[in-house]
């Protein structure tokens, strides 16, 4: 589990694809202040909000294996746009929650529509619209943010200078892609309401006989 608070940015070293086995190997170089000695093989690390497993540590470089589905469902396939990744290590039991609970499971890859000062606008996938509401929480490239205005086809977040300084969101330009993960509670509530509605419709349309 993560909380969307990014303290480190890593730079892309390489990403190689194996077309036969359909997986990739991502290698990132960590910044000099990253606590690399605490990292063990098998550890989970959020890379741009994607929960990945450490498979190798070499100096300040960490390697991760990427399944084809991970590449399809995340912005990692678009790392050439801006080859800098937000890094967050998992939180421990008892840690203070400074952001909001983030699972590291990306819901969608969306594009940056426009930037107007601190207002950063992103496209809104219709399937996620019920879960993206003004004043709600959202993770963008692993960064816990508060949603501002929501329109029919887009939503915005307000990025303060410190957030831009600490994260790769400062690299954003219109048409660049980002990973988004909706608020966990919003996902559960919407899914529950869908289930309840389906059950009600089933009962309403069913014919019972003795």
Protein backbone atom coordinates (compact mmCIF):
# COMPACT_ATOMS: atom_id res chain seq x y z
CA UNK A 1 0.00 0.00 0.00
CA UNK A 2 1.16 3.52 -0.81
CA UNK A 3 -0.09 7.00 0.07
CA UNK A 4 0.81 9.06 -2.99
CA UNK A 5 3.62 11.05 -1.39
CA UNK A 6 6.62 11.21 -3.74
CA UNK A 7 10.07 12.08 -2.40
CA UNK A 8 12.26 10.70 -5.20
CA UNK A 9 12.48 10.81 -8.97
CA UNK A 10 14.31 8.13 -10.95
CA UNK A 11 15.61 8.36 -14.51
CA UNK A 12 15.11 5.78 -17.23
CA UNK A 13 18.25 3.78 -18.05
CA UNK A 14 16.70 1.22 -20.37
CA UNK A 15 13.53 -0.72 -21.16
CA UNK A 16 13.92 -3.85 -23.26
CA UNK A 17 11.12 -6.02 -24.57
CA UNK A 18 11.26 -9.78 -25.12
CA UNK A 19 8.82 -10.39 -27.97
CA UNK A 20 8.88 -14.15 -27.45
CA UNK A 21 8.12 -14.24 -23.73
CA UNK A 22 6.16 -10.98 -23.97
CA UNK A 23 7.68 -9.23 -21.00
CA UNK A 24 10.01 -6.30 -20.54
CA UNK A 25 12.85 -5.33 -18.23
CA UNK A 26 12.78 -1.78 -16.89
CA UNK A 27 15.97 -0.34 -15.39
CA UNK A 28 15.87 2.94 -13.46
CA UNK A 29 18.66 4.97 -11.90
CA UNK A 30 17.76 6.24 -8.44
CA UNK A 31 18.86 9.66 -7.15
CA UNK A 32 21.88 9.78 -4.85
CA UNK A 33 19.76 10.40 -1.73
CA UNK A 34 17.54 7.35 -2.32
CA UNK A 35 17.99 4.73 0.49
CA UNK A 36 19.15 2.01 -1.90
CA UNK A 37 20.64 -0.13 0.91
CA UNK A 38 17.15 -0.74 2.28
CA UNK A 39 15.89 -2.22 -0.99
CA UNK A 40 15.69 -6.01 -1.22
CA UNK A 41 14.82 -8.33 -4.07
CA UNK A 42 11.06 -8.86 -4.10
CA UNK A 43 10.29 -5.47 -2.56
CA UNK A 44 7.41 -3.46 -4.00
CA UNK A 45 8.05 0.05 -5.28
CA UNK A 46 5.57 2.41 -6.91
CA UNK A 47 6.92 3.68 -10.23
CA UNK A 48 4.69 6.48 -11.53
CA UNK A 49 1.95 4.93 -9.42
CA UNK A 50 2.47 1.40 -10.76
CA UNK A 51 3.29 -1.19 -8.11
CA UNK A 52 6.34 -3.10 -9.41
CA UNK A 53 8.56 -5.80 -7.92
CA UNK A 54 12.31 -5.35 -7.59
CA UNK A 55 14.19 -8.08 -9.49
CA UNK A 56 17.72 -6.69 -9.38
CA UNK A 57 19.76 -4.02 -7.61
CA UNK A 58 23.06 -2.88 -9.11
CA UNK A 59 24.63 0.16 -7.50
CA UNK A 60 22.02 2.90 -7.76
CA UNK A 61 20.13 1.07 -10.50
CA UNK A 62 16.99 -0.97 -9.82
CA UNK A 63 15.43 -3.38 -12.32
CA UNK A 64 11.80 -4.43 -12.65
CA UNK A 65 10.11 -6.99 -14.91
CA UNK A 66 7.10 -5.70 -16.85
CA UNK A 67 4.36 -7.95 -18.18
CA UNK A 68 2.83 -7.09 -21.53
CA UNK A 69 -0.41 -6.21 -19.75
CA UNK A 70 1.44 -3.74 -17.49
CA UNK A 71 2.82 -1.99 -20.55
CA UNK A 72 -0.60 -1.95 -22.20
CA UNK A 73 -2.37 -0.54 -19.15
CA UNK A 74 0.13 2.10 -18.01
CA UNK A 75 2.14 5.04 -19.29
CA UNK A 76 5.38 3.06 -18.94
CA UNK A 77 5.21 2.24 -22.64
CA UNK A 78 5.38 6.02 -23.25
CA UNK A 79 8.47 6.71 -21.12
CA UNK A 80 10.15 8.30 -24.13
CA UNK A 81 7.81 11.31 -23.65
CA UNK A 82 9.52 12.18 -20.36
CA UNK A 83 11.93 9.53 -19.04
CA UNK A 84 11.63 10.48 -15.38
CA UNK A 85 9.54 8.42 -12.95
CA UNK A 86 8.06 9.21 -9.56
CA UNK A 87 9.22 6.76 -6.90
CA UNK A 88 7.49 5.83 -3.66
CA UNK A 89 8.35 3.04 -1.28
CA UNK A 90 5.44 1.25 0.43
CA UNK A 91 4.19 2.62 3.72
CA UNK A 92 4.50 0.63 6.93
CA UNK A 93 1.87 -0.15 9.52
CA UNK A 94 1.61 2.82 11.88
CA UNK A 95 2.84 5.39 9.36
CA UNK A 96 0.95 8.68 9.35
CA UNK A 97 -1.23 9.01 6.25
CA UNK A 98 -0.19 12.21 4.49
CA UNK A 99 -1.91 11.58 1.14
CA UNK A 100 -4.62 8.99 0.57
CA UNK A 101 -4.53 5.18 0.23
CA UNK A 102 -3.08 4.20 -3.16
CA UNK A 103 -2.95 0.56 -4.27
CA UNK A 104 -0.56 0.92 -7.19
CA UNK A 105 -3.11 -0.49 -9.64
CA UNK A 106 -3.61 1.95 -12.50
CA UNK A 107 -7.20 2.51 -13.67
CA UNK A 108 -6.42 4.34 -16.90
CA UNK A 109 -3.84 6.18 -18.96
CA UNK A 110 -5.08 9.64 -19.90
CA UNK A 111 -3.57 12.58 -21.70
CA UNK A 112 -2.86 16.06 -20.44
CA UNK A 113 -5.31 18.34 -22.26
CA UNK A 114 -3.96 21.76 -21.30
CA UNK A 115 -2.07 23.66 -18.63
CA UNK A 116 -3.24 27.04 -17.37
CA UNK A 117 -0.98 28.21 -14.57
CA UNK A 118 -1.55 25.85 -11.65
CA UNK A 119 -4.56 24.29 -13.40
CA UNK A 120 -3.63 21.03 -15.11
CA UNK A 121 -6.41 19.50 -17.20
CA UNK A 122 -6.69 15.81 -18.12
CA UNK A 123 -9.10 13.84 -20.27
CA UNK A 124 -11.86 12.03 -18.39
CA UNK A 125 -12.66 8.41 -19.39
CA UNK A 126 -16.46 7.97 -19.29
CA UNK A 127 -16.18 4.70 -17.37
CA UNK A 128 -14.35 6.51 -14.54
CA UNK A 129 -16.54 9.62 -14.51
CA UNK A 130 -18.70 8.47 -11.53
CA UNK A 131 -15.54 8.06 -9.44
CA UNK A 132 -13.92 11.41 -10.25
CA UNK A 133 -15.63 14.22 -8.37
CA UNK A 134 -14.68 17.72 -7.31
CA UNK A 135 -12.81 17.79 -3.96
CA UNK A 136 -12.22 14.03 -4.23
CA UNK A 137 -8.84 12.32 -4.30
CA UNK A 138 -6.96 10.94 -7.27
CA UNK A 139 -3.47 9.61 -7.92
CA UNK A 140 -1.69 10.96 -11.02
CA UNK A 141 1.64 9.28 -11.77
CA UNK A 142 1.54 8.10 -8.18
CA UNK A 143 1.00 11.59 -6.72
CA UNK A 144 -1.91 12.04 -4.32
CA UNK A 145 -3.90 15.06 -5.51
CA UNK A 146 -7.23 16.77 -4.90
CA UNK A 147 -9.57 17.05 -7.87
CA UNK A 148 -10.65 20.54 -8.83
CA UNK A 149 -13.25 21.22 -11.50
CA UNK A 150 -14.86 18.31 -13.35
CA UNK A 151 -16.46 18.71 -16.78
CA UNK A 152 -18.13 16.15 -19.02
CA UNK A 153 -14.92 15.19 -20.81
CA UNK A 154 -12.10 16.45 -18.57
CA UNK A 155 -11.05 17.24 -15.04
CA UNK A 156 -8.36 19.39 -13.46
CA UNK A 157 -6.03 19.35 -10.50
CA UNK A 158 -4.14 22.28 -9.02
CA UNK A 159 -0.39 21.76 -8.77
CA UNK A 160 1.56 23.93 -6.36
CA UNK A 161 5.25 24.72 -7.05
CA UNK A 162 6.47 22.26 -4.39
CA UNK A 163 4.58 19.37 -5.98
CA UNK A 164 6.04 20.25 -9.36
CA UNK A 165 9.52 20.45 -7.84
CA UNK A 166 9.31 17.04 -6.19
CA UNK A 167 7.59 15.09 -8.96
CA UNK A 168 7.77 14.47 -12.69
CA UNK A 169 4.52 16.38 -13.20
CA UNK A 170 6.72 19.40 -13.89
CA UNK A 171 7.60 17.65 -17.19
CA UNK A 172 3.98 17.61 -18.34
CA UNK A 173 2.93 19.09 -21.66
CA UNK A 174 -0.36 18.85 -23.57
CA UNK A 175 -0.77 15.39 -25.18
CA UNK A 176 1.61 13.75 -22.66
CA UNK A 177 0.23 10.65 -20.96
CA UNK A 178 -0.15 9.98 -17.23
CA UNK A 179 -1.31 7.09 -15.06
CA UNK A 180 -4.38 7.69 -12.94
CA UNK A 181 -5.78 5.68 -10.06
CA UNK A 182 -9.16 6.72 -8.70
CA UNK A 183 -9.90 6.89 -4.99
CA UNK A 184 -10.26 3.38 -3.60
CA UNK A 185 -13.41 4.14 -1.63
CA UNK A 186 -15.05 5.77 -4.65
CA UNK A 187 -14.35 2.63 -6.69
CA UNK A 188 -15.90 0.36 -4.07
CA UNK A 189 -18.96 2.56 -3.60
CA UNK A 190 -19.67 2.84 -7.34
CA UNK A 191 -19.19 -0.89 -7.80
CA UNK A 192 -21.52 -1.60 -4.86
CA UNK A 193 -24.20 0.70 -6.27
CA UNK A 194 -23.95 -1.03 -9.65
CA UNK A 195 -24.35 -4.41 -7.96
CA UNK A 196 -27.35 -3.24 -5.94
CA UNK A 197 -28.96 -1.77 -9.06
CA UNK A 198 -28.42 -4.99 -11.01
CA UNK A 199 -29.96 -7.03 -8.20
CA UNK A 200 -32.96 -4.70 -7.97
CA UNK A 201 -33.50 -4.85 -11.73
CA UNK A 202 -33.20 -8.64 -11.65
CA UNK A 203 -35.78 -8.93 -8.89
CA UNK A 204 -38.08 -6.47 -10.64
CA UNK A 205 -37.95 -8.36 -13.94
CA UNK A 206 -38.04 -11.89 -12.51
CA UNK A 207 -41.17 -14.03 -12.48
CA UNK A 208 -41.68 -16.21 -9.47
CA UNK A 209 -43.98 -19.26 -9.32
CA UNK A 210 -44.95 -21.57 -6.48
